[in-house]
Amino acid sequence: MFFTYILQSQKDQSFYIGFTSNLEQRLQQHNKATSGYTSTKKPWKLVYFETFDNETEARKRERAIKKKKSRTYIEYLIDQWEGPSLG
């Protein structure tokens, strides 16, 4: 199983969109990062995800969300999401 996910920075409320096969591990990696984009905006909170049967579909969805280049669209996805509790 693969996931397309959206993280929100608790520092400045910005979003990060990615895909992974392990959500918990990936969130930990973002929050432990010492270099790169996510390291400057820690801590991160998982606010949205979708599940896929394969990596190709997860990558395609990640690209589709990023291609919108719209904070409004991302906020809409999060607001409309009826997924499991994120804790």
C-alpha atoms as a PDB file:
ATOM      1  CA  MET A   1       0.000   0.000   0.000  1.00  0.00           C
ATOM      2  CA  PHE A   2       1.164   3.534  -0.826  1.00  0.00           C
ATOM      3  CA  PHE A   3       0.041   6.933   0.365  1.00  0.00           C
ATOM      4  CA  THR A   4      -0.118  10.464  -0.976  1.00  0.00           C
ATOM      5  CA  TYR A   5      -0.001  12.799   1.999  1.00  0.00           C
ATOM      6  CA  ILE A   6      -0.125  16.429   3.032  1.00  0.00           C
ATOM      7  CA  LEU A   7       1.794  17.740   6.009  1.00  0.00           C
ATOM      8  CA  GLN A   8       1.272  21.131   7.590  1.00  0.00           C
ATOM      9  CA  SER A   9       4.074  23.041   9.271  1.00  0.00           C
ATOM     10  CA  GLN A  10       3.236  23.969  12.837  1.00  0.00           C
ATOM     11  CA  LYS A  11       5.815  26.753  12.512  1.00  0.00           C
ATOM     12  CA  ASP A  12       4.324  28.731   9.613  1.00  0.00           C
ATOM     13  CA  GLN A  13       1.220  26.743   8.486  1.00  0.00           C
ATOM     14  CA  SER A  14       2.743  25.946   5.057  1.00  0.00           C
ATOM     15  CA  PHE A  15       2.035  22.605   3.382  1.00  0.00           C
ATOM     16  CA  TYR A  16       4.215  19.799   2.079  1.00  0.00           C
ATOM     17  CA  ILE A  17       2.890  17.174  -0.349  1.00  0.00           C
ATOM     18  CA  GLY A  18       4.548  13.802  -0.831  1.00  0.00           C
ATOM     19  CA  PHE A  19       4.072  10.072  -1.222  1.00  0.00           C
ATOM     20  CA  THR A  20       5.372   7.081   0.717  1.00  0.00           C
ATOM     21  CA  SER A  21       4.780   3.460   1.599  1.00  0.00           C
ATOM     22  CA  ASN A  22       5.070   4.169   5.365  1.00  0.00           C
ATOM     23  CA  LEU A  23       3.283   7.251   6.707  1.00  0.00           C
ATOM     24  CA  GLU A  24       4.488   7.065  10.306  1.00  0.00           C
ATOM     25  CA  GLN A  25       8.124   6.587   9.341  1.00  0.00           C
ATOM     26  CA  ARG A  26       7.986   9.331   6.725  1.00  0.00           C
ATOM     27  CA  LEU A  27       6.488  11.845   9.172  1.00  0.00           C
ATOM     28  CA  GLN A  28       9.264  11.027  11.638  1.00  0.00           C
ATOM     29  CA  GLN A  29      11.862  11.556   8.906  1.00  0.00           C
ATOM     30  CA  HIS A  30      10.433  14.977   8.078  1.00  0.00           C
ATOM     31  CA  ASN A  31      10.429  15.977  11.733  1.00  0.00           C
ATOM     32  CA  LYS A  32      14.023  14.776  12.245  1.00  0.00           C
ATOM     33  CA  ALA A  33      15.382  16.322   9.023  1.00  0.00           C
ATOM     34  CA  THR A  34      18.530  18.388   9.402  1.00  0.00           C
ATOM     35  CA  SER A  35      18.681  19.731   5.851  1.00  0.00           C
ATOM     36  CA  GLY A  36      16.297  20.562   3.048  1.00  0.00           C
ATOM     37  CA  TYR A  37      12.921  22.259   2.893  1.00  0.00           C
ATOM     38  CA  THR A  38      11.198  20.319   5.654  1.00  0.00           C
ATOM     39  CA  SER A  39      14.014  20.879   8.160  1.00  0.00           C
ATOM     40  CA  THR A  40      13.353  24.633   8.237  1.00  0.00           C
ATOM     41  CA  LYS A  41       9.645  24.343   8.997  1.00  0.00           C
ATOM     42  CA  LYS A  42       9.494  21.701  11.741  1.00  0.00           C
ATOM     43  CA  PRO A  43       7.456  20.419  13.413  1.00  0.00           C
ATOM     44  CA  TRP A  44       5.143  18.874  10.828  1.00  0.00           C
ATOM     45  CA  LYS A  45       1.682  17.430  11.369  1.00  0.00           C
ATOM     46  CA  LEU A  46      -0.046  14.943   9.069  1.00  0.00           C
ATOM     47  CA  VAL A  47      -3.313  16.584   7.978  1.00  0.00           C
ATOM     48  CA  TYR A  48      -4.410  14.486   4.972  1.00  0.00           C
ATOM     49  CA  PHE A  49      -3.674  11.270   3.132  1.00  0.00           C
ATOM     50  CA  GLU A  50      -5.044   9.005   0.428  1.00  0.00           C
ATOM     51  CA  THR A  51      -4.235   5.315  -0.046  1.00  0.00           C
ATOM     52  CA  PHE A  52      -3.257   3.570  -3.279  1.00  0.00           C
ATOM     53  CA  ASP A  53      -2.502   0.010  -4.313  1.00  0.00           C
ATOM     54  CA  ASN A  54       0.730   0.948  -6.070  1.00  0.00           C
ATOM     55  CA  GLU A  55       3.488   3.547  -6.170  1.00  0.00           C
ATOM     56  CA  THR A  56       2.598   4.760  -9.663  1.00  0.00           C
ATOM     57  CA  GLU A  57      -0.883   5.858  -8.633  1.00  0.00           C
ATOM     58  CA  ALA A  58       0.405   7.544  -5.458  1.00  0.00           C
ATOM     59  CA  ARG A  59       3.009   9.472  -7.482  1.00  0.00           C
ATOM     60  CA  LYS A  60       0.393  10.527 -10.033  1.00  0.00           C
ATOM     61  CA  ARG A  61      -1.870  11.872  -7.294  1.00  0.00           C
ATOM     62  CA  GLU A  62       1.030  13.718  -5.645  1.00  0.00           C
ATOM     63  CA  ARG A  63       1.827  15.400  -8.974  1.00  0.00           C
ATOM     64  CA  ALA A  64      -1.835  16.257  -9.577  1.00  0.00           C
ATOM     65  CA  ILE A  65      -2.145  18.011  -6.209  1.00  0.00           C
ATOM     66  CA  LYS A  66       1.165  19.859  -6.677  1.00  0.00           C
ATOM     67  CA  LYS A  67       0.197  20.888 -10.210  1.00  0.00           C
ATOM     68  CA  LYS A  68      -2.828  22.796  -8.880  1.00  0.00           C
ATOM     69  CA  LYS A  69      -0.434  25.179  -7.057  1.00  0.00           C
ATOM     70  CA  SER A  70      -3.326  26.246  -4.907  1.00  0.00           C
ATOM     71  CA  ARG A  71      -3.458  26.616  -1.135  1.00  0.00           C
ATOM     72  CA  THR A  72      -7.251  26.914  -1.492  1.00  0.00           C
ATOM     73  CA  TYR A  73      -7.423  23.492  -3.179  1.00  0.00           C
ATOM     74  CA  ILE A  74      -5.248  21.903  -0.482  1.00  0.00           C
ATOM     75  CA  GLU A  75      -7.379  23.422   2.271  1.00  0.00           C
ATOM     76  CA  TYR A  76     -10.500  22.175   0.461  1.00  0.00           C
ATOM     77  CA  LEU A  77      -9.100  18.613   0.378  1.00  0.00           C
ATOM     78  CA  ILE A  78      -8.315  18.753   4.086  1.00  0.00           C
ATOM     79  CA  ASP A  79     -11.704  20.248   5.002  1.00  0.00           C
ATOM     80  CA  GLN A  80     -13.654  17.677   2.937  1.00  0.00           C
ATOM     81  CA  TRP A  81     -11.585  14.688   3.991  1.00  0.00           C
ATOM     82  CA  GLU A  82     -13.438  11.939   5.798  1.00  0.00           C
ATOM     83  CA  GLY A  83     -10.456   9.696   6.400  1.00  0.00           C
ATOM     84  CA  PRO A  84      -9.456   8.045   9.650  1.00  0.00           C
ATOM     85  CA  SER A  85      -8.525  10.180  12.619  1.00  0.00           C
ATOM     86  CA  LEU A  86      -5.017  11.586  12.379  1.00  0.00           C
ATOM     87  CA  GLY A  87      -4.556  11.707  16.137  1.00  0.00           C
END
